[in-house]
Amino acid sequence: MRIVVADCSVDYSGRLSAHLPLARRVLLVKADGSVLVHSDGGSYKPLNWMSPPCKLAESAPDEAQAEAGVTAVWTVQHTKSDDRLIVQLHEVHADTSHELGVDPGLVKDGVEAHLQKLLAEQVELLGSGHSLVRREYPTAIGPVDILARGTGPGHVAVEIKRRGDIDGVEQLTRYLDLLNRDPLLAPVSGVFAAQEIKPQARVLATDRGIRCLVLDYDAMRGVDDVESRLF
């Protein structure tokens, strides 16, 4: 990655036209070819950018640009369209390059796989007397996160989400329709489990006879002592 801090102006042309007047900014040139223009505000979002595939060419300023104080010109041309980003650099305050290597990607804490593993190990959270049958129980339309046996006849199918919305309830409904056709499993009831369940999803689940279960991820992994809470 190349990181340049410079006083510059930026013009974008193509599907739309945009202009950033002269100011001090951070220019990022990534290994994938993308070029991003950042200010000291606006959080993570760049002021302007060019996504790959594109090509960056650096050139000397023409006479008029040089008289205006421009020391170098970046022309970033998209290879599949007429979109073009032109950066006119005046004073460059820093210009460094760094080899970052291959990024392993974002590893989220509390993803559905973690929640599924923890709930399978603590299946009693579904209710006293429940026992695990299988994680990732296979069906013709995809695996059910957890299949358990309750205290009564039949089984319990559990769909796990980090944030439970209507789509998750619909998914569990399809599983239940299919599982209840199997006389060896029926009757199969449903539990919709998530760290957060949206009100609309809770209403839909209740209307369809599906029980909702809010999962406390910290408590499940033992980093939060529920018993010592004041409220």
C-alpha atoms as a PDB file:
ATOM      1  CA  MET A   1       0.000   0.000   0.000  1.00  0.00           C
ATOM      2  CA  ARG A   2       1.197   3.481  -0.862  1.00  0.00           C
ATOM      3  CA  ILE A   3       0.205   6.303   1.488  1.00  0.00           C
ATOM      4  CA  VAL A   4       0.624   9.889   0.338  1.00  0.00           C
ATOM      5  CA  VAL A   5      -0.185  12.978   2.400  1.00  0.00           C
ATOM      6  CA  ALA A   6      -0.371  15.964   0.091  1.00  0.00           C
ATOM      7  CA  ASP A   7      -2.029  19.265  -0.680  1.00  0.00           C
ATOM      8  CA  CYS A   8      -4.104  18.385  -3.724  1.00  0.00           C
ATOM      9  CA  SER A   9      -7.239  18.964  -5.752  1.00  0.00           C
ATOM     10  CA  VAL A  10      -9.286  16.133  -7.207  1.00  0.00           C
ATOM     11  CA  ASP A  11     -11.587  15.944 -10.226  1.00  0.00           C
ATOM     12  CA  TYR A  12     -13.794  12.995 -11.129  1.00  0.00           C
ATOM     13  CA  SER A  13     -15.376  12.593 -14.549  1.00  0.00           C
ATOM     14  CA  GLY A  14     -17.465   9.866 -16.154  1.00  0.00           C
ATOM     15  CA  ARG A  15     -20.874   8.770 -14.911  1.00  0.00           C
ATOM     16  CA  LEU A  16     -20.850  11.956 -12.853  1.00  0.00           C
ATOM     17  CA  SER A  17     -18.619  14.958 -12.320  1.00  0.00           C
ATOM     18  CA  ALA A  18     -17.224  16.009  -8.962  1.00  0.00           C
ATOM     19  CA  HIS A  19     -14.566  18.431  -7.777  1.00  0.00           C
ATOM     20  CA  LEU A  20     -12.593  18.625  -4.540  1.00  0.00           C
ATOM     21  CA  PRO A  21     -10.803  21.981  -4.190  1.00  0.00           C
ATOM     22  CA  LEU A  22      -7.228  22.287  -3.001  1.00  0.00           C
ATOM     23  CA  ALA A  23      -6.752  20.949   0.535  1.00  0.00           C
ATOM     24  CA  ARG A  24      -4.503  18.614   2.497  1.00  0.00           C
ATOM     25  CA  ARG A  25      -5.613  15.000   2.092  1.00  0.00           C
ATOM     26  CA  VAL A  26      -4.502  11.390   2.411  1.00  0.00           C
ATOM     27  CA  LEU A  27      -4.214   9.371  -0.801  1.00  0.00           C
ATOM     28  CA  LEU A  28      -4.255   5.575  -0.556  1.00  0.00           C
ATOM     29  CA  VAL A  29      -3.099   3.410  -3.438  1.00  0.00           C
ATOM     30  CA  LYS A  30      -3.868  -0.239  -2.658  1.00  0.00           C
ATOM     31  CA  ALA A  31      -2.356  -3.390  -4.089  1.00  0.00           C
ATOM     32  CA  ASP A  32      -5.655  -4.245  -5.785  1.00  0.00           C
ATOM     33  CA  GLY A  33      -5.329  -1.032  -7.821  1.00  0.00           C
ATOM     34  CA  SER A  34      -7.925   1.032  -6.008  1.00  0.00           C
ATOM     35  CA  VAL A  35      -7.190   4.686  -5.233  1.00  0.00           C
ATOM     36  CA  LEU A  36      -8.946   6.428  -2.340  1.00  0.00           C
ATOM     37  CA  VAL A  37      -8.954  10.075  -1.303  1.00  0.00           C
ATOM     38  CA  HIS A  38      -9.477  10.710   2.419  1.00  0.00           C
ATOM     39  CA  SER A  39      -9.829  13.794   4.591  1.00  0.00           C
ATOM     40  CA  ASP A  40      -9.381  14.036   8.357  1.00  0.00           C
ATOM     41  CA  GLY A  41     -13.131  13.625   8.859  1.00  0.00           C
ATOM     42  CA  GLY A  42     -16.009  11.605   7.539  1.00  0.00           C
ATOM     43  CA  SER A  43     -15.110   8.432   9.423  1.00  0.00           C
ATOM     44  CA  TYR A  44     -14.103   5.537   7.154  1.00  0.00           C
ATOM     45  CA  LYS A  45     -15.676   6.842   3.950  1.00  0.00           C
ATOM     46  CA  PRO A  46     -13.353   8.385   1.339  1.00  0.00           C
ATOM     47  CA  LEU A  47     -14.218  11.703  -0.282  1.00  0.00           C
ATOM     48  CA  ASN A  48     -13.704  10.132  -3.679  1.00  0.00           C
ATOM     49  CA  TRP A  49     -12.212   6.951  -5.066  1.00  0.00           C
ATOM     50  CA  MET A  50     -11.667   4.713  -8.058  1.00  0.00           C
ATOM     51  CA  SER A  51     -12.318   1.006  -7.704  1.00  0.00           C
ATOM     52  CA  PRO A  52     -10.415  -1.616  -9.689  1.00  0.00           C
ATOM     53  CA  PRO A  53      -9.837  -2.499 -12.425  1.00  0.00           C
ATOM     54  CA  CYS A  54      -8.086   0.782 -13.022  1.00  0.00           C
ATOM     55  CA  LYS A  55      -4.644   2.107 -13.896  1.00  0.00           C
ATOM     56  CA  LEU A  56      -2.704   4.899 -12.211  1.00  0.00           C
ATOM     57  CA  ALA A  57      -0.371   7.037 -14.310  1.00  0.00           C
ATOM     58  CA  GLU A  58       1.809   9.804 -12.847  1.00  0.00           C
ATOM     59  CA  SER A  59       2.902  12.691 -15.049  1.00  0.00           C
ATOM     60  CA  ALA A  60       4.510  16.106 -14.841  1.00  0.00           C
ATOM     61  CA  PRO A  61       2.199  19.121 -14.843  1.00  0.00           C
ATOM     62  CA  ASP A  62       1.698  21.184 -17.967  1.00  0.00           C
ATOM     63  CA  GLU A  63       2.767  24.818 -18.048  1.00  0.00           C
ATOM     64  CA  ALA A  64      -0.533  26.190 -16.722  1.00  0.00           C
ATOM     65  CA  GLN A  65      -0.665  23.620 -13.940  1.00  0.00           C
ATOM     66  CA  ALA A  66       2.931  24.307 -12.952  1.00  0.00           C
ATOM     67  CA  GLU A  67       2.226  28.035 -12.736  1.00  0.00           C
ATOM     68  CA  ALA A  68      -0.681  27.195 -10.389  1.00  0.00           C
ATOM     69  CA  GLY A  69       1.683  25.297  -8.091  1.00  0.00           C
ATOM     70  CA  VAL A  70       1.001  21.738  -9.261  1.00  0.00           C
ATOM     71  CA  THR A  71       4.046  19.489  -8.911  1.00  0.00           C
ATOM     72  CA  ALA A  72       2.600  16.205 -10.217  1.00  0.00           C
ATOM     73  CA  VAL A  73      -0.585  14.847 -11.743  1.00  0.00           C
ATOM     74  CA  TRP A  74      -2.173  11.456 -11.088  1.00  0.00           C
ATOM     75  CA  THR A  75      -4.545  10.149 -13.720  1.00  0.00           C
ATOM     76  CA  VAL A  76      -6.521   7.130 -12.566  1.00  0.00           C
ATOM     77  CA  GLN A  77      -8.408   5.610 -15.498  1.00  0.00           C
ATOM     78  CA  HIS A  78     -10.961   2.827 -15.088  1.00  0.00           C
ATOM     79  CA  THR A  79     -10.191   0.096 -17.599  1.00  0.00           C
ATOM     80  CA  LYS A  80     -13.820  -0.816 -18.329  1.00  0.00           C
ATOM     81  CA  SER A  81     -15.451   2.601 -18.469  1.00  0.00           C
ATOM     82  CA  ASP A  82     -14.765   6.268 -19.139  1.00  0.00           C
ATOM     83  CA  ASP A  83     -14.568   7.046 -15.405  1.00  0.00           C
ATOM     84  CA  ARG A  84     -11.445   8.993 -14.568  1.00  0.00           C
ATOM     85  CA  LEU A  85      -9.975  10.440 -11.387  1.00  0.00           C
ATOM     86  CA  ILE A  86      -7.429  13.263 -11.765  1.00  0.00           C
ATOM     87  CA  VAL A  87      -5.424  14.287  -8.722  1.00  0.00           C
ATOM     88  CA  GLN A  88      -3.298  17.424  -8.956  1.00  0.00           C
ATOM     89  CA  LEU A  89      -0.629  17.357  -6.251  1.00  0.00           C
ATOM     90  CA  HIS A  90       0.887  20.556  -4.942  1.00  0.00           C
ATOM     91  CA  GLU A  91       3.057  20.010  -1.878  1.00  0.00           C
ATOM     92  CA  VAL A  92       3.718  16.412  -0.825  1.00  0.00           C
ATOM     93  CA  HIS A  93       4.231  16.042   2.936  1.00  0.00           C
ATOM     94  CA  ALA A  94       4.725  12.260   3.094  1.00  0.00           C
ATOM     95  CA  ASP A  95       5.015   9.434   0.599  1.00  0.00           C
ATOM     96  CA  THR A  96       5.546   5.933   1.945  1.00  0.00           C
ATOM     97  CA  SER A  97       4.922   2.400   0.711  1.00  0.00           C
ATOM     98  CA  HIS A  98       4.281  -0.649   2.853  1.00  0.00           C
ATOM     99  CA  GLU A  99       3.952  -4.349   2.035  1.00  0.00           C
ATOM    100  CA  LEU A 100       0.989  -5.575   4.073  1.00  0.00           C
ATOM    101  CA  GLY A 101       0.937  -9.156   2.836  1.00  0.00           C
ATOM    102  CA  VAL A 102      -2.140 -11.361   2.625  1.00  0.00           C
ATOM    103  CA  ASP A 103      -4.898 -10.320   5.014  1.00  0.00           C
ATOM    104  CA  PRO A 104      -6.669 -13.194   6.821  1.00  0.00           C
ATOM    105  CA  GLY A 105      -9.952 -11.276   6.830  1.00  0.00           C
ATOM    106  CA  LEU A 106     -12.220 -10.173   9.628  1.00  0.00           C
ATOM    107  CA  VAL A 107     -12.891 -12.749  12.319  1.00  0.00           C
ATOM    108  CA  LYS A 108     -16.102 -11.785  14.078  1.00  0.00           C
ATOM    109  CA  ASP A 109     -16.657 -12.661  17.702  1.00  0.00           C
ATOM    110  CA  GLY A 110     -20.085 -14.092  18.361  1.00  0.00           C
ATOM    111  CA  VAL A 111     -20.752 -15.308  14.835  1.00  0.00           C
ATOM    112  CA  GLU A 112     -23.446 -17.904  14.283  1.00  0.00           C
ATOM    113  CA  ALA A 113     -20.993 -20.830  14.274  1.00  0.00           C
ATOM    114  CA  HIS A 114     -19.749 -19.838  17.744  1.00  0.00           C
ATOM    115  CA  LEU A 115     -23.281 -19.429  19.044  1.00  0.00           C
ATOM    116  CA  GLN A 116     -24.278 -22.790  17.606  1.00  0.00           C
ATOM    117  CA  LYS A 117     -21.339 -24.568  19.267  1.00  0.00           C
ATOM    118  CA  LEU A 118     -22.011 -22.946  22.630  1.00  0.00           C
ATOM    119  CA  LEU A 119     -25.739 -23.657  22.531  1.00  0.00           C
ATOM    120  CA  ALA A 120     -25.078 -27.287  21.614  1.00  0.00           C
ATOM    121  CA  GLU A 121     -22.828 -27.556  24.660  1.00  0.00           C
ATOM    122  CA  GLN A 122     -25.399 -25.771  26.840  1.00  0.00           C
ATOM    123  CA  VAL A 123     -28.543 -27.236  25.319  1.00  0.00           C
ATOM    124  CA  GLU A 124     -30.272 -26.889  28.702  1.00  0.00           C
ATOM    125  CA  LEU A 125     -30.731 -23.204  27.774  1.00  0.00           C
ATOM    126  CA  LEU A 126     -33.588 -24.447  25.580  1.00  0.00           C
ATOM    127  CA  GLY A 127     -35.254 -25.684  28.734  1.00  0.00           C
ATOM    128  CA  SER A 128     -34.781 -28.245  31.472  1.00  0.00           C
ATOM    129  CA  GLY A 129     -34.688 -31.789  30.157  1.00  0.00           C
ATOM    130  CA  HIS A 130     -33.610 -30.956  26.608  1.00  0.00           C
ATOM    131  CA  SER A 131     -30.881 -33.059  24.991  1.00  0.00           C
ATOM    132  CA  LEU A 132     -28.856 -32.597  21.829  1.00  0.00           C
ATOM    133  CA  VAL A 133     -29.563 -34.835  18.855  1.00  0.00           C
ATOM    134  CA  ARG A 134     -27.244 -33.219  16.315  1.00  0.00           C
ATOM    135  CA  ARG A 135     -25.739 -29.968  15.115  1.00  0.00           C
ATOM    136  CA  GLU A 136     -26.218 -29.144  11.413  1.00  0.00           C
ATOM    137  CA  TYR A 137     -29.005 -31.679  11.011  1.00  0.00           C
ATOM    138  CA  PRO A 138     -29.254 -32.257   7.219  1.00  0.00           C
ATOM    139  CA  THR A 139     -32.442 -31.632   5.267  1.00  0.00           C
ATOM    140  CA  ALA A 140     -33.233 -31.343   1.572  1.00  0.00           C
ATOM    141  CA  ILE A 141     -33.277 -27.531   1.831  1.00  0.00           C
ATOM    142  CA  GLY A 142     -30.227 -27.081   4.046  1.00  0.00           C
ATOM    143  CA  PRO A 143     -28.973 -27.975   7.507  1.00  0.00           C
ATOM    144  CA  VAL A 144     -30.901 -27.119  10.660  1.00  0.00           C
ATOM    145  CA  ASP A 145     -28.532 -25.464  13.130  1.00  0.00           C
ATOM    146  CA  ILE A 146     -29.524 -27.684  16.073  1.00  0.00           C
ATOM    147  CA  LEU A 147     -31.939 -30.563  16.411  1.00  0.00           C
ATOM    148  CA  ALA A 148     -32.779 -31.431  20.014  1.00  0.00           C
ATOM    149  CA  ARG A 149     -35.189 -33.600  21.921  1.00  0.00           C
ATOM    150  CA  GLY A 150     -37.436 -31.954  24.471  1.00  0.00           C
ATOM    151  CA  THR A 151     -39.260 -33.270  27.502  1.00  0.00           C
ATOM    152  CA  GLY A 152     -42.372 -34.157  25.521  1.00  0.00           C
ATOM    153  CA  PRO A 153     -42.873 -36.149  22.343  1.00  0.00           C
ATOM    154  CA  GLY A 154     -41.114 -35.151  19.153  1.00  0.00           C
ATOM    155  CA  HIS A 155     -38.141 -32.881  18.565  1.00  0.00           C
ATOM    156  CA  VAL A 156     -37.064 -29.248  18.614  1.00  0.00           C
ATOM    157  CA  ALA A 157     -35.458 -27.482  15.646  1.00  0.00           C
ATOM    158  CA  VAL A 158     -33.340 -24.435  16.482  1.00  0.00           C
ATOM    159  CA  GLU A 159     -32.372 -21.698  14.030  1.00  0.00           C
ATOM    160  CA  ILE A 160     -29.528 -19.478  15.287  1.00  0.00           C
ATOM    161  CA  LYS A 161     -28.752 -15.931  14.166  1.00  0.00           C
ATOM    162  CA  ARG A 162     -26.638 -13.109  15.526  1.00  0.00           C
ATOM    163  CA  ARG A 163     -29.472 -10.686  14.829  1.00  0.00           C
ATOM    164  CA  GLY A 164     -32.846 -12.277  14.310  1.00  0.00           C
ATOM    165  CA  ASP A 165     -35.074 -10.792  11.661  1.00  0.00           C
ATOM    166  CA  ILE A 166     -38.095 -11.908   9.649  1.00  0.00           C
ATOM    167  CA  ASP A 167     -35.976 -13.789   7.108  1.00  0.00           C
ATOM    168  CA  GLY A 168     -34.664 -16.039   9.871  1.00  0.00           C
ATOM    169  CA  VAL A 169     -38.201 -16.859  11.018  1.00  0.00           C
ATOM    170  CA  GLU A 170     -39.187 -17.667   7.443  1.00  0.00           C
ATOM    171  CA  GLN A 171     -36.167 -19.957   7.127  1.00  0.00           C
ATOM    172  CA  LEU A 172     -37.057 -21.836  10.300  1.00  0.00           C
ATOM    173  CA  THR A 173     -40.673 -22.118   9.139  1.00  0.00           C
ATOM    174  CA  ARG A 174     -39.530 -23.896   5.982  1.00  0.00           C
ATOM    175  CA  TYR A 175     -37.436 -26.313   8.038  1.00  0.00           C
ATOM    176  CA  LEU A 176     -40.372 -27.066  10.330  1.00  0.00           C
ATOM    177  CA  ASP A 177     -42.715 -27.725   7.419  1.00  0.00           C
ATOM    178  CA  LEU A 178     -40.252 -30.266   6.044  1.00  0.00           C
ATOM    179  CA  LEU A 179     -39.244 -31.907   9.332  1.00  0.00           C
ATOM    180  CA  ASN A 180     -42.843 -32.413  10.415  1.00  0.00           C
ATOM    181  CA  ARG A 181     -43.391 -34.647   7.371  1.00  0.00           C
ATOM    182  CA  ASP A 182     -40.986 -37.172   8.883  1.00  0.00           C
ATOM    183  CA  PRO A 183     -42.941 -39.495  11.211  1.00  0.00           C
ATOM    184  CA  LEU A 184     -39.731 -40.379  13.043  1.00  0.00           C
ATOM    185  CA  LEU A 185     -39.232 -36.743  14.048  1.00  0.00           C
ATOM    186  CA  ALA A 186     -42.718 -35.263  14.298  1.00  0.00           C
ATOM    187  CA  PRO A 187     -44.000 -33.351  16.033  1.00  0.00           C
ATOM    188  CA  VAL A 188     -41.170 -30.821  15.585  1.00  0.00           C
ATOM    189  CA  SER A 189     -41.449 -27.448  17.321  1.00  0.00           C
ATOM    190  CA  GLY A 190     -39.241 -24.467  16.599  1.00  0.00           C
ATOM    191  CA  VAL A 191     -36.962 -22.191  18.587  1.00  0.00           C
ATOM    192  CA  PHE A 192     -35.627 -18.996  17.030  1.00  0.00           C
ATOM    193  CA  ALA A 193     -32.422 -18.113  18.928  1.00  0.00           C
ATOM    194  CA  ALA A 194     -30.375 -14.940  18.485  1.00  0.00           C
ATOM    195  CA  GLN A 195     -28.373 -12.367  20.402  1.00  0.00           C
ATOM    196  CA  GLU A 196     -30.969  -9.797  19.367  1.00  0.00           C
ATOM    197  CA  ILE A 197     -34.427 -10.447  17.954  1.00  0.00           C
ATOM    198  CA  LYS A 198     -36.203  -7.665  16.113  1.00  0.00           C
ATOM    199  CA  PRO A 199     -39.768  -6.896  17.226  1.00  0.00           C
ATOM    200  CA  GLN A 200     -41.277  -7.791  13.838  1.00  0.00           C
ATOM    201  CA  ALA A 201     -39.481 -11.150  13.883  1.00  0.00           C
ATOM    202  CA  ARG A 202     -40.735 -11.873  17.403  1.00  0.00           C
ATOM    203  CA  VAL A 203     -44.326 -11.109  16.404  1.00  0.00           C
ATOM    204  CA  LEU A 204     -44.105 -13.361  13.332  1.00  0.00           C
ATOM    205  CA  ALA A 205     -42.461 -16.177  15.292  1.00  0.00           C
ATOM    206  CA  THR A 206     -45.118 -16.033  18.015  1.00  0.00           C
ATOM    207  CA  ASP A 207     -47.879 -16.051  15.420  1.00  0.00           C
ATOM    208  CA  ARG A 208     -46.423 -19.252  13.944  1.00  0.00           C
ATOM    209  CA  GLY A 209     -45.963 -20.971  17.273  1.00  0.00           C
ATOM    210  CA  ILE A 210     -42.183 -20.560  17.272  1.00  0.00           C
ATOM    211  CA  ARG A 211     -40.506 -19.828  20.597  1.00  0.00           C
ATOM    212  CA  CYS A 212     -37.920 -17.026  20.760  1.00  0.00           C
ATOM    213  CA  LEU A 213     -34.738 -17.333  22.789  1.00  0.00           C
ATOM    214  CA  VAL A 214     -32.323 -14.435  23.335  1.00  0.00           C
ATOM    215  CA  LEU A 215     -28.738 -15.664  23.683  1.00  0.00           C
ATOM    216  CA  ASP A 216     -26.306 -13.932  26.043  1.00  0.00           C
ATOM    217  CA  TYR A 217     -23.014 -14.619  24.281  1.00  0.00           C
ATOM    218  CA  ASP A 218     -20.777 -13.382  27.112  1.00  0.00           C
ATOM    219  CA  ALA A 219     -22.612 -15.465  29.696  1.00  0.00           C
ATOM    220  CA  MET A 220     -22.522 -18.537  27.459  1.00  0.00           C
ATOM    221  CA  ARG A 221     -18.760 -18.358  27.103  1.00  0.00           C
ATOM    222  CA  GLY A 222     -18.230 -17.649  30.782  1.00  0.00           C
ATOM    223  CA  VAL A 223     -16.920 -14.093  30.706  1.00  0.00           C
ATOM    224  CA  ASP A 224     -19.995 -12.540  32.313  1.00  0.00           C
ATOM    225  CA  ASP A 225     -21.171 -13.639  35.741  1.00  0.00           C
ATOM    226  CA  VAL A 226     -24.947 -13.419  35.407  1.00  0.00           C
ATOM    227  CA  GLU A 227     -25.500 -14.258  39.086  1.00  0.00           C
ATOM    228  CA  SER A 228     -23.574 -11.199  40.280  1.00  0.00           C
ATOM    229  CA  ARG A 229     -25.544  -8.667  38.233  1.00  0.00           C
ATOM    230  CA  LEU A 230     -27.498  -6.007  40.121  1.00  0.00           C
ATOM    231  CA  PHE A 231     -30.022  -5.744  37.264  1.00  0.00           C
END
